[in-house]
PDB file of all heavy atoms in Angstrom:
ATOM      1  N   ILE A   1      -4.554  -9.652  -4.047  1.00  0.00           N
ATOM      2  CA  ILE A   1      -4.232  -8.357  -4.599  1.00  0.00           C
ATOM      3  C   ILE A   1      -4.982  -7.290  -3.814  1.00  0.00           C
ATOM      4  O   ILE A   1      -6.176  -7.424  -3.546  1.00  0.00           O
ATOM      5  CB  ILE A   1      -4.607  -8.264  -6.087  1.00  0.00           C
ATOM      6  CG1 ILE A   1      -3.669  -9.172  -6.917  1.00  0.00           C
ATOM      7  CG2 ILE A   1      -4.522  -6.842  -6.614  1.00  0.00           C
ATOM      8  CD1 ILE A   1      -4.049  -9.296  -8.360  1.00  0.00           C
ATOM      9  N   LEU A   2      -4.273  -6.256  -3.433  1.00  0.00           N
ATOM     10  CA  LEU A   2      -4.881  -5.108  -2.760  1.00  0.00           C
ATOM     11  C   LEU A   2      -4.804  -3.897  -3.683  1.00  0.00           C
ATOM     12  O   LEU A   2      -3.715  -3.445  -4.037  1.00  0.00           O
ATOM     13  CB  LEU A   2      -4.180  -4.805  -1.429  1.00  0.00           C
ATOM     14  CG  LEU A   2      -4.635  -3.499  -0.703  1.00  0.00           C
ATOM     15  CD1 LEU A   2      -6.115  -3.554  -0.354  1.00  0.00           C
ATOM     16  CD2 LEU A   2      -3.784  -3.256   0.525  1.00  0.00           C
ATOM     17  N   PHE A   3      -5.964  -3.392  -4.062  1.00  0.00           N
ATOM     18  CA  PHE A   3      -6.022  -2.179  -4.904  1.00  0.00           C
ATOM     19  C   PHE A   3      -6.349  -0.976  -4.024  1.00  0.00           C
ATOM     20  O   PHE A   3      -7.338  -0.991  -3.262  1.00  0.00           O
ATOM     21  CB  PHE A   3      -7.061  -2.337  -6.002  1.00  0.00           C
ATOM     22  CG  PHE A   3      -7.288  -1.053  -6.796  1.00  0.00           C
ATOM     23  CD1 PHE A   3      -6.272  -0.570  -7.625  1.00  0.00           C
ATOM     24  CD2 PHE A   3      -8.470  -0.355  -6.702  1.00  0.00           C
ATOM     25  CE1 PHE A   3      -6.459   0.577  -8.354  1.00  0.00           C
ATOM     26  CE2 PHE A   3      -8.650   0.819  -7.439  1.00  0.00           C
ATOM     27  CZ  PHE A   3      -7.644   1.288  -8.277  1.00  0.00           C
ATOM     28  N   ILE A   4      -5.513   0.067  -4.112  1.00  0.00           N
ATOM     29  CA  ILE A   4      -5.729   1.295  -3.351  1.00  0.00           C
ATOM     30  C   ILE A   4      -5.864   2.449  -4.289  1.00  0.00           C
ATOM     31  O   ILE A   4      -4.914   2.839  -4.981  1.00  0.00           O
ATOM     32  CB  ILE A   4      -4.584   1.566  -2.340  1.00  0.00           C
ATOM     33  CG1 ILE A   4      -4.443   0.370  -1.364  1.00  0.00           C
ATOM     34  CG2 ILE A   4      -4.846   2.841  -1.576  1.00  0.00           C
ATOM     35  CD1 ILE A   4      -3.308   0.529  -0.370  1.00  0.00           C
ATOM     36  N   ASP A   5      -7.047   3.025  -4.341  1.00  0.00           N
ATOM     37  CA  ASP A   5      -7.297   4.199  -5.185  1.00  0.00           C
ATOM     38  C   ASP A   5      -6.863   5.454  -4.434  1.00  0.00           C
ATOM     39  O   ASP A   5      -6.937   5.536  -3.225  1.00  0.00           O
ATOM     40  CB  ASP A   5      -8.789   4.274  -5.509  1.00  0.00           C
ATOM     41  CG  ASP A   5      -9.079   5.186  -6.688  1.00  0.00           C
ATOM     42  OD1 ASP A   5      -8.152   5.480  -7.461  1.00  0.00           O
ATOM     43  OD2 ASP A   5     -10.250   5.601  -6.858  1.00  0.00           O
ATOM     44  N   GLU A   6      -6.329   6.414  -5.198  1.00  0.00           N
ATOM     45  CA  GLU A   6      -5.845   7.674  -4.640  1.00  0.00           C
ATOM     46  C   GLU A   6      -4.767   7.426  -3.560  1.00  0.00           C
ATOM     47  O   GLU A   6      -4.748   8.070  -2.510  1.00  0.00           O
ATOM     48  CB  GLU A   6      -7.002   8.484  -4.025  1.00  0.00           C
ATOM     49  CG  GLU A   6      -8.154   8.786  -4.969  1.00  0.00           C
ATOM     50  CD  GLU A   6      -7.824   9.855  -5.985  1.00  0.00           C
ATOM     51  OE1 GLU A   6      -6.881  10.621  -5.790  1.00  0.00           O
ATOM     52  OE2 GLU A   6      -8.536   9.912  -7.003  1.00  0.00           O
ATOM     53  N   ILE A   7      -3.846   6.510  -3.845  1.00  0.00           N
ATOM     54  CA  ILE A   7      -2.860   6.119  -2.851  1.00  0.00           C
ATOM     55  C   ILE A   7      -1.984   7.296  -2.385  1.00  0.00           C
ATOM     56  O   ILE A   7      -1.441   7.260  -1.284  1.00  0.00           O
ATOM     57  CB  ILE A   7      -1.985   4.962  -3.371  1.00  0.00           C
ATOM     58  CG1 ILE A   7      -1.187   4.309  -2.229  1.00  0.00           C
ATOM     59  CG2 ILE A   7      -1.093   5.408  -4.527  1.00  0.00           C
ATOM     60  CD1 ILE A   7      -0.494   3.012  -2.636  1.00  0.00           C
ATOM     61  N   HIS A   8      -1.856   8.326  -3.197  1.00  0.00           N
ATOM     62  CA  HIS A   8      -1.056   9.495  -2.806  1.00  0.00           C
ATOM     63  C   HIS A   8      -1.630  10.215  -1.602  1.00  0.00           C
ATOM     64  O   HIS A   8      -0.936  11.003  -0.947  1.00  0.00           O
ATOM     65  CB  HIS A   8      -0.903  10.470  -3.965  1.00  0.00           C
ATOM     66  CG  HIS A   8      -2.204  11.033  -4.468  1.00  0.00           C
ATOM     67  ND1 HIS A   8      -3.014  10.385  -5.382  1.00  0.00           N
ATOM     68  CD2 HIS A   8      -2.852  12.189  -4.141  1.00  0.00           C
ATOM     69  CE1 HIS A   8      -4.073  11.122  -5.614  1.00  0.00           C
ATOM     70  NE2 HIS A   8      -4.026  12.214  -4.875  1.00  0.00           N
ATOM     71  N   ARG A   9      -2.902   9.965  -1.287  1.00  0.00           N
ATOM     72  CA  ARG A   9      -3.540  10.613  -0.135  1.00  0.00           C
ATOM     73  C   ARG A   9      -3.177   9.947   1.181  1.00  0.00           C
ATOM     74  O   ARG A   9      -3.471  10.480   2.242  1.00  0.00           O
ATOM     75  CB  ARG A   9      -5.052  10.618  -0.294  1.00  0.00           C
ATOM     76  CG  ARG A   9      -5.529  11.511  -1.455  1.00  0.00           C
ATOM     77  CD  ARG A   9      -7.059  11.497  -1.545  1.00  0.00           C
ATOM     78  NE  ARG A   9      -7.534  12.322  -2.643  1.00  0.00           N
ATOM     79  CZ  ARG A   9      -7.914  13.585  -2.538  1.00  0.00           C
ATOM     80  NH1 ARG A   9      -7.851  14.176  -1.357  1.00  0.00           N
ATOM     81  NH2 ARG A   9      -8.363  14.268  -3.581  1.00  0.00           N
ATOM     82  N   PHE A  10      -2.559   8.758   1.136  1.00  0.00           N
ATOM     83  CA  PHE A  10      -2.095   8.110   2.353  1.00  0.00           C
ATOM     84  C   PHE A  10      -0.908   8.910   2.930  1.00  0.00           C
ATOM     85  O   PHE A  10       0.007   9.274   2.195  1.00  0.00           O
ATOM     86  CB  PHE A  10      -1.632   6.692   2.073  1.00  0.00           C
ATOM     87  CG  PHE A  10      -2.732   5.660   2.203  1.00  0.00           C
ATOM     88  CD1 PHE A  10      -2.508   4.354   1.789  1.00  0.00           C
ATOM     89  CD2 PHE A  10      -3.956   5.974   2.736  1.00  0.00           C
ATOM     90  CE1 PHE A  10      -3.507   3.378   1.920  1.00  0.00           C
ATOM     91  CE2 PHE A  10      -4.950   5.014   2.864  1.00  0.00           C
ATOM     92  CZ  PHE A  10      -4.730   3.718   2.453  1.00  0.00           C
ATOM     93  N   ASN A  11      -0.933   9.143   4.251  1.00  0.00           N
ATOM     94  CA  ASN A  11       0.202   9.792   4.893  1.00  0.00           C
ATOM     95  C   ASN A  11       1.305   8.799   5.146  1.00  0.00           C
ATOM     96  O   ASN A  11       1.198   7.601   4.831  1.00  0.00           O
ATOM     97  CB  ASN A  11      -0.247  10.520   6.182  1.00  0.00           C
ATOM     98  CG  ASN A  11      -0.854   9.568   7.202  1.00  0.00           C
ATOM     99  OD1 ASN A  11      -0.459   8.388   7.288  1.00  0.00           O
ATOM    100  ND2 ASN A  11      -1.801  10.034   7.998  1.00  0.00           N
ATOM    101  N   LYS A  12       2.398   9.257   5.744  1.00  0.00           N
ATOM    102  CA  LYS A  12       3.563   8.402   5.982  1.00  0.00           C
ATOM    103  C   LYS A  12       3.210   7.200   6.841  1.00  0.00           C
ATOM    104  O   LYS A  12       3.642   6.058   6.561  1.00  0.00           O
ATOM    105  CB  LYS A  12       4.683   9.213   6.634  1.00  0.00           C
ATOM    106  CG  LYS A  12       5.984   8.421   6.806  1.00  0.00           C
ATOM    107  CD  LYS A  12       7.083   9.271   7.441  1.00  0.00           C
ATOM    108  CE  LYS A  12       8.395   8.513   7.480  1.00  0.00           C
ATOM    109  NZ  LYS A  12       8.300   7.261   8.275  1.00  0.00           N
ATOM    110  N   GLY A  13       2.433   7.400   7.894  1.00  0.00           N
ATOM    111  CA  GLY A  13       2.057   6.317   8.784  1.00  0.00           C
ATOM    112  C   GLY A  13       1.255   5.244   8.063  1.00  0.00           C
ATOM    113  O   GLY A  13       1.466   4.038   8.259  1.00  0.00           O
ATOM    114  N   GLN A  14       0.326   5.677   7.212  1.00  0.00           N
ATOM    115  CA  GLN A  14      -0.476   4.726   6.474  1.00  0.00           C
ATOM    116  C   GLN A  14       0.353   3.966   5.449  1.00  0.00           C
ATOM    117  O   GLN A  14       0.176   2.766   5.265  1.00  0.00           O
ATOM    118  CB  GLN A  14      -1.640   5.471   5.791  1.00  0.00           C
ATOM    119  CG  GLN A  14      -2.696   6.007   6.769  1.00  0.00           C
ATOM    120  CD  GLN A  14      -3.612   7.011   6.118  1.00  0.00           C
ATOM    121  OE1 GLN A  14      -3.180   7.919   5.409  1.00  0.00           O
ATOM    122  NE2 GLN A  14      -4.903   6.831   6.350  1.00  0.00           N
ATOM    123  N   GLN A  15       1.248   4.675   4.790  1.00  0.00           N
ATOM    124  CA  GLN A  15       2.134   3.991   3.829  1.00  0.00           C
ATOM    125  C   GLN A  15       3.072   3.007   4.533  1.00  0.00           C
ATOM    126  O   GLN A  15       3.327   1.921   4.021  1.00  0.00           O
ATOM    127  CB  GLN A  15       2.928   5.018   3.024  1.00  0.00           C
ATOM    128  CG  GLN A  15       2.078   5.852   2.079  1.00  0.00           C
ATOM    129  CD  GLN A  15       2.892   6.803   1.223  1.00  0.00           C
ATOM    130  OE1 GLN A  15       4.021   6.501   0.820  1.00  0.00           O
ATOM    131  NE2 GLN A  15       2.352   7.977   0.921  1.00  0.00           N
ATOM    132  N   ASP A  16       3.574   3.399   5.688  1.00  0.00           N
ATOM    133  CA  ASP A  16       4.448   2.490   6.448  1.00  0.00           C
ATOM    134  C   ASP A  16       3.715   1.229   6.869  1.00  0.00           C
ATOM    135  O   ASP A  16       4.314   0.132   6.944  1.00  0.00           O
ATOM    136  CB  ASP A  16       4.983   3.214   7.698  1.00  0.00           C
ATOM    137  CG  ASP A  16       6.039   4.241   7.346  1.00  0.00           C
ATOM    138  OD1 ASP A  16       6.571   4.197   6.213  1.00  0.00           O
ATOM    139  OD2 ASP A  16       6.363   5.112   8.211  1.00  0.00           O
ATOM    140  N   ALA A  17       2.405   1.351   7.150  1.00  0.00           N
ATOM    141  CA  ALA A  17       1.611   0.182   7.531  1.00  0.00           C
ATOM    142  C   ALA A  17       1.497  -0.808   6.409  1.00  0.00           C
ATOM    143  O   ALA A  17       1.326  -2.017   6.617  1.00  0.00           O
ATOM    144  CB  ALA A  17       0.199   0.650   7.988  1.00  0.00           C
ATOM    145  N   LEU A  18       1.598  -0.336   5.164  1.00  0.00           N
ATOM    146  CA  LEU A  18       1.549  -1.191   3.982  1.00  0.00           C
ATOM    147  C   LEU A  18       2.867  -1.921   3.715  1.00  0.00           C
ATOM    148  O   LEU A  18       2.900  -3.019   3.187  1.00  0.00           O
ATOM    149  CB  LEU A  18       1.196  -0.401   2.738  1.00  0.00           C
ATOM    150  CG  LEU A  18      -0.220   0.180   2.587  1.00  0.00           C
ATOM    151  CD1 LEU A  18      -0.244   1.165   1.424  1.00  0.00           C
ATOM    152  CD2 LEU A  18      -1.217  -0.942   2.359  1.00  0.00           C
ATOM    153  N   LEU A  19       3.966  -1.245   4.074  1.00  0.00           N
ATOM    154  CA  LEU A  19       5.298  -1.637   3.626  1.00  0.00           C
ATOM    155  C   LEU A  19       5.638  -3.097   3.998  1.00  0.00           C
ATOM    156  O   LEU A  19       6.062  -3.858   3.117  1.00  0.00           O
ATOM    157  CB  LEU A  19       6.348  -0.695   4.207  1.00  0.00           C
ATOM    158  CG  LEU A  19       7.788  -0.928   3.743  1.00  0.00           C
ATOM    159  CD1 LEU A  19       7.901  -0.811   2.235  1.00  0.00           C
ATOM    160  CD2 LEU A  19       8.709   0.106   4.422  1.00  0.00           C
ATOM    161  N   GLY A  20       5.420  -3.457   5.244  1.00  0.00           N
ATOM    162  CA  GLY A  20       5.789  -4.812   5.698  1.00  0.00           C
ATOM    163  C   GLY A  20       5.042  -5.881   4.905  1.00  0.00           C
ATOM    164  O   GLY A  20       5.626  -6.901   4.514  1.00  0.00           O
ATOM    165  N   ALA A  21       3.746  -5.637   4.657  1.00  0.00           N
ATOM    166  CA  ALA A  21       2.946  -6.629   3.938  1.00  0.00           C
ATOM    167  C   ALA A  21       3.348  -6.760   2.485  1.00  0.00           C
ATOM    168  O   ALA A  21       3.280  -7.823   1.879  1.00  0.00           O
ATOM    169  CB  ALA A  21       1.466  -6.245   4.038  1.00  0.00           C
ATOM    170  N   VAL A  22       3.793  -5.659   1.886  1.00  0.00           N
ATOM    171  CA  VAL A  22       4.303  -5.702   0.509  1.00  0.00           C
ATOM    172  C   VAL A  22       5.629  -6.433   0.475  1.00  0.00           C
ATOM    173  O   VAL A  22       5.900  -7.263  -0.417  1.00  0.00           O
ATOM    174  CB  VAL A  22       4.452  -4.273  -0.080  1.00  0.00           C
ATOM    175  CG1 VAL A  22       5.117  -4.299  -1.434  1.00  0.00           C
ATOM    176  CG2 VAL A  22       3.089  -3.582  -0.185  1.00  0.00           C
ATOM    177  N   GLU A  23       6.521  -6.129   1.441  1.00  0.00           N
ATOM    178  CA  GLU A  23       7.816  -6.763   1.519  1.00  0.00           C
ATOM    179  C   GLU A  23       7.748  -8.278   1.633  1.00  0.00           C
ATOM    180  O   GLU A  23       8.488  -8.990   0.962  1.00  0.00           O
ATOM    181  CB  GLU A  23       8.642  -6.172   2.661  1.00  0.00           C
ATOM    182  CG  GLU A  23       9.219  -4.800   2.397  1.00  0.00           C
ATOM    183  CD  GLU A  23      10.056  -4.327   3.547  1.00  0.00           C
ATOM    184  OE1 GLU A  23       9.714  -4.622   4.697  1.00  0.00           O
ATOM    185  OE2 GLU A  23      11.084  -3.614   3.316  1.00  0.00           O
ATOM    186  N   ASP A  24       6.884  -8.740   2.546  1.00  0.00           N
ATOM    187  CA  ASP A  24       6.861 -10.195   2.788  1.00  0.00           C
ATOM    188  C   ASP A  24       5.890 -10.947   1.899  1.00  0.00           C
ATOM    189  O   ASP A  24       5.701 -12.156   2.037  1.00  0.00           O
ATOM    190  CB  ASP A  24       6.526 -10.480   4.269  1.00  0.00           C
ATOM    191  CG  ASP A  24       5.161  -9.992   4.709  1.00  0.00           C
ATOM    192  OD1 ASP A  24       4.288  -9.758   3.850  1.00  0.00           O
ATOM    193  OD2 ASP A  24       4.948  -9.830   5.932  1.00  0.00           O
ATOM    194  N   GLY A  25       5.295 -10.254   0.946  1.00  0.00           N
ATOM    195  CA  GLY A  25       4.426 -10.904  -0.020  1.00  0.00           C
ATOM    196  C   GLY A  25       3.072 -11.278   0.489  1.00  0.00           C
ATOM    197  O   GLY A  25       2.367 -12.138  -0.094  1.00  0.00           O
ATOM    198  N   THR A  26       2.618 -10.640   1.601  1.00  0.00           N
ATOM    199  CA  THR A  26       1.275 -10.911   2.124  1.00  0.00           C
ATOM    200  C   THR A  26       0.230 -10.614   1.052  1.00  0.00           C
ATOM    201  O   THR A  26      -0.748 -11.328   0.916  1.00  0.00           O
ATOM    202  CB  THR A  26       0.994 -10.076   3.380  1.00  0.00           C
ATOM    203  OG1 THR A  26       1.943 -10.430   4.397  1.00  0.00           O
ATOM    204  CG2 THR A  26      -0.414 -10.307   3.901  1.00  0.00           C
ATOM    205  N   PHE A  27       0.418  -9.553   0.316  1.00  0.00           N
ATOM    206  CA  PHE A  27      -0.425  -9.244  -0.836  1.00  0.00           C
ATOM    207  C   PHE A  27       0.389  -8.522  -1.887  1.00  0.00           C
ATOM    208  O   PHE A  27       1.486  -8.012  -1.644  1.00  0.00           O
ATOM    209  CB  PHE A  27      -1.660  -8.425  -0.442  1.00  0.00           C
ATOM    210  CG  PHE A  27      -1.368  -7.124   0.303  1.00  0.00           C
ATOM    211  CD1 PHE A  27      -0.766  -6.058  -0.342  1.00  0.00           C
ATOM    212  CD2 PHE A  27      -1.694  -6.998   1.618  1.00  0.00           C
ATOM    213  CE1 PHE A  27      -0.496  -4.879   0.336  1.00  0.00           C
ATOM    214  CE2 PHE A  27      -1.442  -5.822   2.316  1.00  0.00           C
ATOM    215  CZ  PHE A  27      -0.830  -4.779   1.665  1.00  0.00           C
ATOM    216  N   THR A  28      -0.137  -8.513  -3.100  1.00  0.00           N
ATOM    217  CA  THR A  28       0.400  -7.715  -4.190  1.00  0.00           C
ATOM    218  C   THR A  28      -0.336  -6.377  -4.231  1.00  0.00           C
ATOM    219  O   THR A  28      -1.567  -6.381  -4.293  1.00  0.00           O
ATOM    220  CB  THR A  28       0.252  -8.451  -5.531  1.00  0.00           C
ATOM    221  OG1 THR A  28       0.950  -9.713  -5.472  1.00  0.00           O
ATOM    222  CG2 THR A  28       0.800  -7.611  -6.677  1.00  0.00           C
ATOM    223  N   LEU A  29       0.418  -5.295  -4.172  1.00  0.00           N
ATOM    224  CA  LEU A  29      -0.193  -3.971  -4.118  1.00  0.00           C
ATOM    225  C   LEU A  29      -0.333  -3.378  -5.538  1.00  0.00           C
ATOM    226  O   LEU A  29       0.590  -3.408  -6.312  1.00  0.00           O
ATOM    227  CB  LEU A  29       0.671  -3.032  -3.263  1.00  0.00           C
ATOM    228  CG  LEU A  29       0.266  -1.539  -3.242  1.00  0.00           C
ATOM    229  CD1 LEU A  29      -1.091  -1.387  -2.572  1.00  0.00           C
ATOM    230  CD2 LEU A  29       1.322  -0.705  -2.559  1.00  0.00           C
ATOM    231  N   ILE A  30      -1.525  -2.873  -5.811  1.00  0.00           N
ATOM    232  CA  ILE A  30      -1.759  -2.072  -7.012  1.00  0.00           C
ATOM    233  C   ILE A  30      -2.306  -0.727  -6.519  1.00  0.00           C
ATOM    234  O   ILE A  30      -3.373  -0.668  -5.908  1.00  0.00           O
ATOM    235  CB  ILE A  30      -2.734  -2.719  -7.994  1.00  0.00           C
ATOM    236  CG1 ILE A  30      -2.215  -4.083  -8.463  1.00  0.00           C
ATOM    237  CG2 ILE A  30      -2.963  -1.814  -9.208  1.00  0.00           C
ATOM    238  CD1 ILE A  30      -3.207  -4.835  -9.333  1.00  0.00           C
ATOM    239  N   GLY A  31      -1.556   0.333  -6.759  1.00  0.00           N
ATOM    240  CA  GLY A  31      -1.973   1.655  -6.346  1.00  0.00           C
ATOM    241  C   GLY A  31      -2.324   2.500  -7.559  1.00  0.00           C
ATOM    242  O   GLY A  31      -1.751   2.364  -8.630  1.00  0.00           O
ATOM    243  N   ALA A  32      -3.294   3.406  -7.399  1.00  0.00           N
ATOM    244  CA  ALA A  32      -3.668   4.344  -8.453  1.00  0.00           C
ATOM    245  C   ALA A  32      -3.489   5.749  -7.917  1.00  0.00           C
ATOM    246  O   ALA A  32      -3.916   6.059  -6.810  1.00  0.00           O
ATOM    247  CB  ALA A  32      -5.112   4.133  -8.911  1.00  0.00           C
ATOM    248  N   THR A  33      -2.862   6.604  -8.714  1.00  0.00           N
ATOM    249  CA  THR A  33      -2.627   7.986  -8.273  1.00  0.00           C
ATOM    250  C   THR A  33      -2.662   8.949  -9.425  1.00  0.00           C
ATOM    251  O   THR A  33      -2.256   8.609 -10.555  1.00  0.00           O
ATOM    252  CB  THR A  33      -1.284   8.094  -7.522  1.00  0.00           C
ATOM    253  OG1 THR A  33      -1.041   9.449  -7.142  1.00  0.00           O
ATOM    254  CG2 THR A  33      -0.132   7.616  -8.377  1.00  0.00           C
TER     255      THR A  33
END
């Protein structure tokens, strides 16, 4: 599990870097905003 606090502060590039890992199940994302 990956917990990201203040996830809304991530820019597009940072969010895109997460996308692939969420899609393929590398980790389960929990974001707080």
